[in-house]
N, C-alpha and C. Protein backbone atom coordinates (compact mmCIF):
# COMPACT_ATOMS: atom_id res chain seq x y z
N MET A 1 31.54 -8.93 -20.35
CA MET A 1 32.47 -8.49 -19.33
C MET A 1 32.49 -9.52 -18.20
N ILE A 2 33.64 -9.77 -17.66
CA ILE A 2 33.81 -10.75 -16.58
C ILE A 2 33.78 -10.02 -15.25
N THR A 3 32.99 -10.55 -14.32
CA THR A 3 32.91 -10.00 -12.97
C THR A 3 33.23 -11.09 -11.96
N THR A 4 33.30 -10.69 -10.72
CA THR A 4 33.58 -11.63 -9.64
C THR A 4 32.29 -11.94 -8.90
N CYS A 5 32.03 -13.21 -8.67
CA CYS A 5 30.84 -13.63 -7.92
C CYS A 5 30.98 -13.19 -6.47
N PRO A 6 29.98 -12.48 -5.92
CA PRO A 6 30.07 -12.04 -4.53
C PRO A 6 29.94 -13.19 -3.53
N GLU A 7 29.45 -14.33 -3.98
CA GLU A 7 29.24 -15.46 -3.09
C GLU A 7 30.49 -16.33 -2.97
N CYS A 8 31.07 -16.72 -4.12
CA CYS A 8 32.21 -17.66 -4.06
C CYS A 8 33.52 -17.04 -4.55
N GLY A 9 33.45 -15.87 -5.18
CA GLY A 9 34.66 -15.22 -5.67
C GLY A 9 35.12 -15.70 -7.03
N GLY A 10 34.36 -16.56 -7.68
CA GLY A 10 34.73 -17.08 -9.00
C GLY A 10 34.47 -16.06 -10.09
N GLN A 11 35.05 -16.29 -11.25
CA GLN A 11 34.88 -15.42 -12.40
C GLN A 11 33.59 -15.77 -13.13
N VAL A 12 32.74 -14.75 -13.37
CA VAL A 12 31.43 -14.96 -13.97
C VAL A 12 31.22 -13.91 -15.05
N SER A 13 30.65 -14.33 -16.16
CA SER A 13 30.27 -13.38 -17.19
C SER A 13 29.06 -12.59 -16.72
N ASP A 14 29.01 -11.29 -17.05
CA ASP A 14 27.87 -10.49 -16.60
C ASP A 14 26.60 -10.83 -17.35
N SER A 15 26.70 -11.59 -18.42
CA SER A 15 25.50 -12.00 -19.15
C SER A 15 25.00 -13.38 -18.69
N ALA A 16 25.73 -14.03 -17.79
CA ALA A 16 25.30 -15.34 -17.28
C ALA A 16 24.15 -15.16 -16.30
N PRO A 17 23.16 -16.04 -16.34
CA PRO A 17 22.02 -15.90 -15.42
C PRO A 17 22.39 -16.23 -13.98
N SER A 18 23.45 -17.05 -13.78
CA SER A 18 23.88 -17.39 -12.43
C SER A 18 25.36 -17.78 -12.48
N CYS A 19 25.97 -17.88 -11.32
CA CYS A 19 27.38 -18.26 -11.24
C CYS A 19 27.51 -19.74 -11.60
N PRO A 20 28.42 -20.08 -12.53
CA PRO A 20 28.58 -21.49 -12.90
C PRO A 20 29.27 -22.30 -11.81
N HIS A 21 29.91 -21.64 -10.85
CA HIS A 21 30.63 -22.34 -9.79
C HIS A 21 29.72 -22.69 -8.61
N CYS A 22 28.94 -21.70 -8.17
CA CYS A 22 28.13 -21.93 -6.96
C CYS A 22 26.63 -21.82 -7.21
N GLY A 23 26.23 -21.30 -8.37
CA GLY A 23 24.81 -21.17 -8.68
C GLY A 23 24.18 -19.91 -8.14
N PHE A 24 24.98 -19.00 -7.60
CA PHE A 24 24.45 -17.75 -7.04
C PHE A 24 23.77 -16.95 -8.15
N THR A 25 22.56 -16.47 -7.85
CA THR A 25 21.80 -15.66 -8.80
C THR A 25 21.61 -14.29 -8.18
N PRO A 26 22.46 -13.32 -8.54
CA PRO A 26 22.37 -12.02 -7.88
C PRO A 26 21.14 -11.21 -8.28
N TYR A 27 20.74 -11.31 -9.51
CA TYR A 27 19.62 -10.50 -9.97
C TYR A 27 18.61 -11.40 -10.66
N ARG A 28 17.53 -11.63 -9.97
CA ARG A 28 16.45 -12.41 -10.58
C ARG A 28 15.50 -11.40 -11.22
N GLN A 29 15.38 -11.47 -12.48
CA GLN A 29 14.54 -10.54 -13.20
C GLN A 29 13.11 -11.07 -13.23
N ALA A 30 12.20 -10.17 -12.96
CA ALA A 30 10.79 -10.54 -13.03
C ALA A 30 10.39 -10.66 -14.49
N PRO A 31 9.52 -11.59 -14.80
CA PRO A 31 9.10 -11.71 -16.19
C PRO A 31 8.37 -10.44 -16.64
N VAL A 32 8.62 -10.04 -17.86
CA VAL A 32 8.00 -8.85 -18.41
C VAL A 32 6.62 -9.22 -18.90
N MET A 33 5.62 -8.47 -18.44
CA MET A 33 4.24 -8.75 -18.84
C MET A 33 3.74 -7.63 -19.73
N SER A 34 2.99 -7.98 -20.74
CA SER A 34 2.41 -6.97 -21.61
C SER A 34 1.20 -6.36 -20.91
N ALA A 35 0.67 -5.30 -21.49
CA ALA A 35 -0.48 -4.62 -20.89
C ALA A 35 -1.70 -5.54 -20.83
N GLN A 36 -1.80 -6.48 -21.75
CA GLN A 36 -2.94 -7.39 -21.75
C GLN A 36 -2.82 -8.45 -20.66
N GLN A 37 -1.61 -8.77 -20.22
CA GLN A 37 -1.41 -9.81 -19.21
C GLN A 37 -1.45 -9.26 -17.79
N ARG A 38 -1.32 -7.95 -17.62
CA ARG A 38 -1.27 -7.38 -16.28
C ARG A 38 -2.61 -7.53 -15.58
N PRO A 39 -2.58 -7.89 -14.30
CA PRO A 39 -3.85 -8.03 -13.58
C PRO A 39 -4.47 -6.67 -13.32
N ILE A 40 -5.77 -6.62 -13.31
CA ILE A 40 -6.50 -5.39 -13.03
C ILE A 40 -6.88 -5.41 -11.55
N ILE A 41 -6.49 -4.37 -10.85
CA ILE A 41 -6.77 -4.28 -9.42
C ILE A 41 -7.96 -3.34 -9.24
N VAL A 42 -8.99 -3.84 -8.59
CA VAL A 42 -10.20 -3.05 -8.36
C VAL A 42 -10.28 -2.76 -6.87
N ARG A 43 -10.33 -1.48 -6.56
CA ARG A 43 -10.46 -1.08 -5.16
C ARG A 43 -11.88 -0.56 -4.95
N GLU A 44 -12.53 -1.09 -3.95
CA GLU A 44 -13.91 -0.70 -3.70
C GLU A 44 -13.95 0.43 -2.70
N LYS A 45 -14.93 1.29 -2.87
CA LYS A 45 -15.15 2.36 -1.90
C LYS A 45 -15.87 1.75 -0.71
N PRO A 46 -15.67 2.33 0.49
CA PRO A 46 -16.37 1.79 1.65
C PRO A 46 -17.88 1.93 1.47
N GLY A 47 -18.57 0.90 1.79
CA GLY A 47 -20.02 0.89 1.61
C GLY A 47 -20.77 1.17 2.90
N PHE A 48 -22.06 0.96 2.83
CA PHE A 48 -22.94 1.23 3.97
C PHE A 48 -22.59 0.37 5.18
N LEU A 49 -22.17 -0.85 4.93
CA LEU A 49 -21.88 -1.77 6.02
C LEU A 49 -20.41 -1.77 6.45
N ASP A 50 -19.63 -0.80 5.98
CA ASP A 50 -18.23 -0.71 6.35
C ASP A 50 -18.12 -0.14 7.76
N ALA A 51 -17.54 -0.92 8.67
CA ALA A 51 -17.50 -0.54 10.08
C ALA A 51 -16.68 0.73 10.32
N LYS A 52 -15.56 0.87 9.64
CA LYS A 52 -14.71 2.05 9.86
C LYS A 52 -15.39 3.33 9.38
N ALA A 53 -16.03 3.29 8.23
CA ALA A 53 -16.72 4.47 7.72
C ALA A 53 -17.88 4.84 8.63
N ASN A 54 -18.63 3.86 9.10
CA ASN A 54 -19.75 4.13 10.00
C ASN A 54 -19.27 4.66 11.34
N LEU A 55 -18.14 4.18 11.83
CA LEU A 55 -17.61 4.66 13.10
C LEU A 55 -17.23 6.13 13.00
N ALA A 56 -16.62 6.52 11.89
CA ALA A 56 -16.24 7.92 11.70
C ALA A 56 -17.49 8.81 11.68
N GLY A 57 -18.54 8.36 11.03
CA GLY A 57 -19.78 9.13 11.00
C GLY A 57 -20.41 9.23 12.37
N CYS A 58 -20.36 8.18 13.15
CA CYS A 58 -20.93 8.20 14.49
C CYS A 58 -20.15 9.15 15.40
N ILE A 59 -18.84 9.15 15.27
CA ILE A 59 -18.02 10.05 16.10
C ILE A 59 -18.34 11.50 15.77
N TRP A 60 -18.49 11.82 14.47
CA TRP A 60 -18.84 13.18 14.10
C TRP A 60 -20.21 13.55 14.66
N ALA A 61 -21.16 12.63 14.63
CA ALA A 61 -22.50 12.91 15.15
C ALA A 61 -22.47 13.11 16.66
N ILE A 62 -21.67 12.31 17.36
CA ILE A 62 -21.59 12.42 18.81
C ILE A 62 -20.95 13.74 19.23
N VAL A 63 -20.02 14.24 18.45
CA VAL A 63 -19.35 15.50 18.78
C VAL A 63 -20.15 16.70 18.29
N LEU A 64 -20.67 16.63 17.08
CA LEU A 64 -21.31 17.78 16.45
C LEU A 64 -22.68 18.11 17.03
N ILE A 65 -23.50 17.12 17.26
CA ILE A 65 -24.87 17.38 17.75
C ILE A 65 -24.85 18.03 19.14
N PRO A 66 -24.10 17.53 20.12
CA PRO A 66 -24.06 18.22 21.41
C PRO A 66 -23.47 19.63 21.30
N ALA A 67 -22.50 19.84 20.42
CA ALA A 67 -21.92 21.17 20.26
C ALA A 67 -22.97 22.16 19.74
N VAL A 68 -23.80 21.72 18.80
CA VAL A 68 -24.85 22.59 18.27
C VAL A 68 -25.89 22.88 19.35
N ILE A 69 -26.23 21.89 20.15
CA ILE A 69 -27.22 22.08 21.23
C ILE A 69 -26.67 23.06 22.26
N VAL A 70 -25.42 22.89 22.67
CA VAL A 70 -24.82 23.80 23.66
C VAL A 70 -24.76 25.22 23.10
N PHE A 71 -24.38 25.36 21.83
CA PHE A 71 -24.33 26.69 21.22
C PHE A 71 -25.72 27.32 21.21
N ALA A 72 -26.75 26.55 20.87
CA ALA A 72 -28.12 27.06 20.84
C ALA A 72 -28.58 27.47 22.23
N LEU A 73 -28.25 26.69 23.25
CA LEU A 73 -28.64 27.04 24.63
C LEU A 73 -27.93 28.32 25.09
N ILE A 74 -26.66 28.45 24.76
CA ILE A 74 -25.93 29.68 25.15
C ILE A 74 -26.49 30.88 24.41
N ALA A 75 -26.82 30.73 23.14
CA ALA A 75 -27.40 31.84 22.37
C ALA A 75 -28.78 32.22 22.91
N ALA A 76 -29.57 31.23 23.32
CA ALA A 76 -30.91 31.49 23.85
C ALA A 76 -30.82 32.15 25.22
N ALA A 77 -29.83 31.79 26.02
CA ALA A 77 -29.68 32.37 27.35
C ALA A 77 -29.17 33.81 27.27
N ALA A 78 -28.45 34.15 26.23
CA ALA A 78 -27.90 35.49 26.09
C ALA A 78 -28.97 36.49 25.66
N CYS A 79 -30.06 36.02 25.06
CA CYS A 79 -31.11 36.93 24.58
C CYS A 79 -31.98 37.43 25.68
């Protein structure tokens, strides 16, 4: 089927890889890779030395420990 090139307006076959007039390539197809060629992506879990994970734990400790102490003091004062 013949289509019109959006870049130059020339007549282009829809099976052509690019426009023969201006070289416009509207659809660049990615190469098809088989399952054996695909890269394996490994995502690691945050470890002991991960700053963000340790910061979250420290924030919970800073909030939770004083809350437990205050609750214990209020419970002891009520008795």
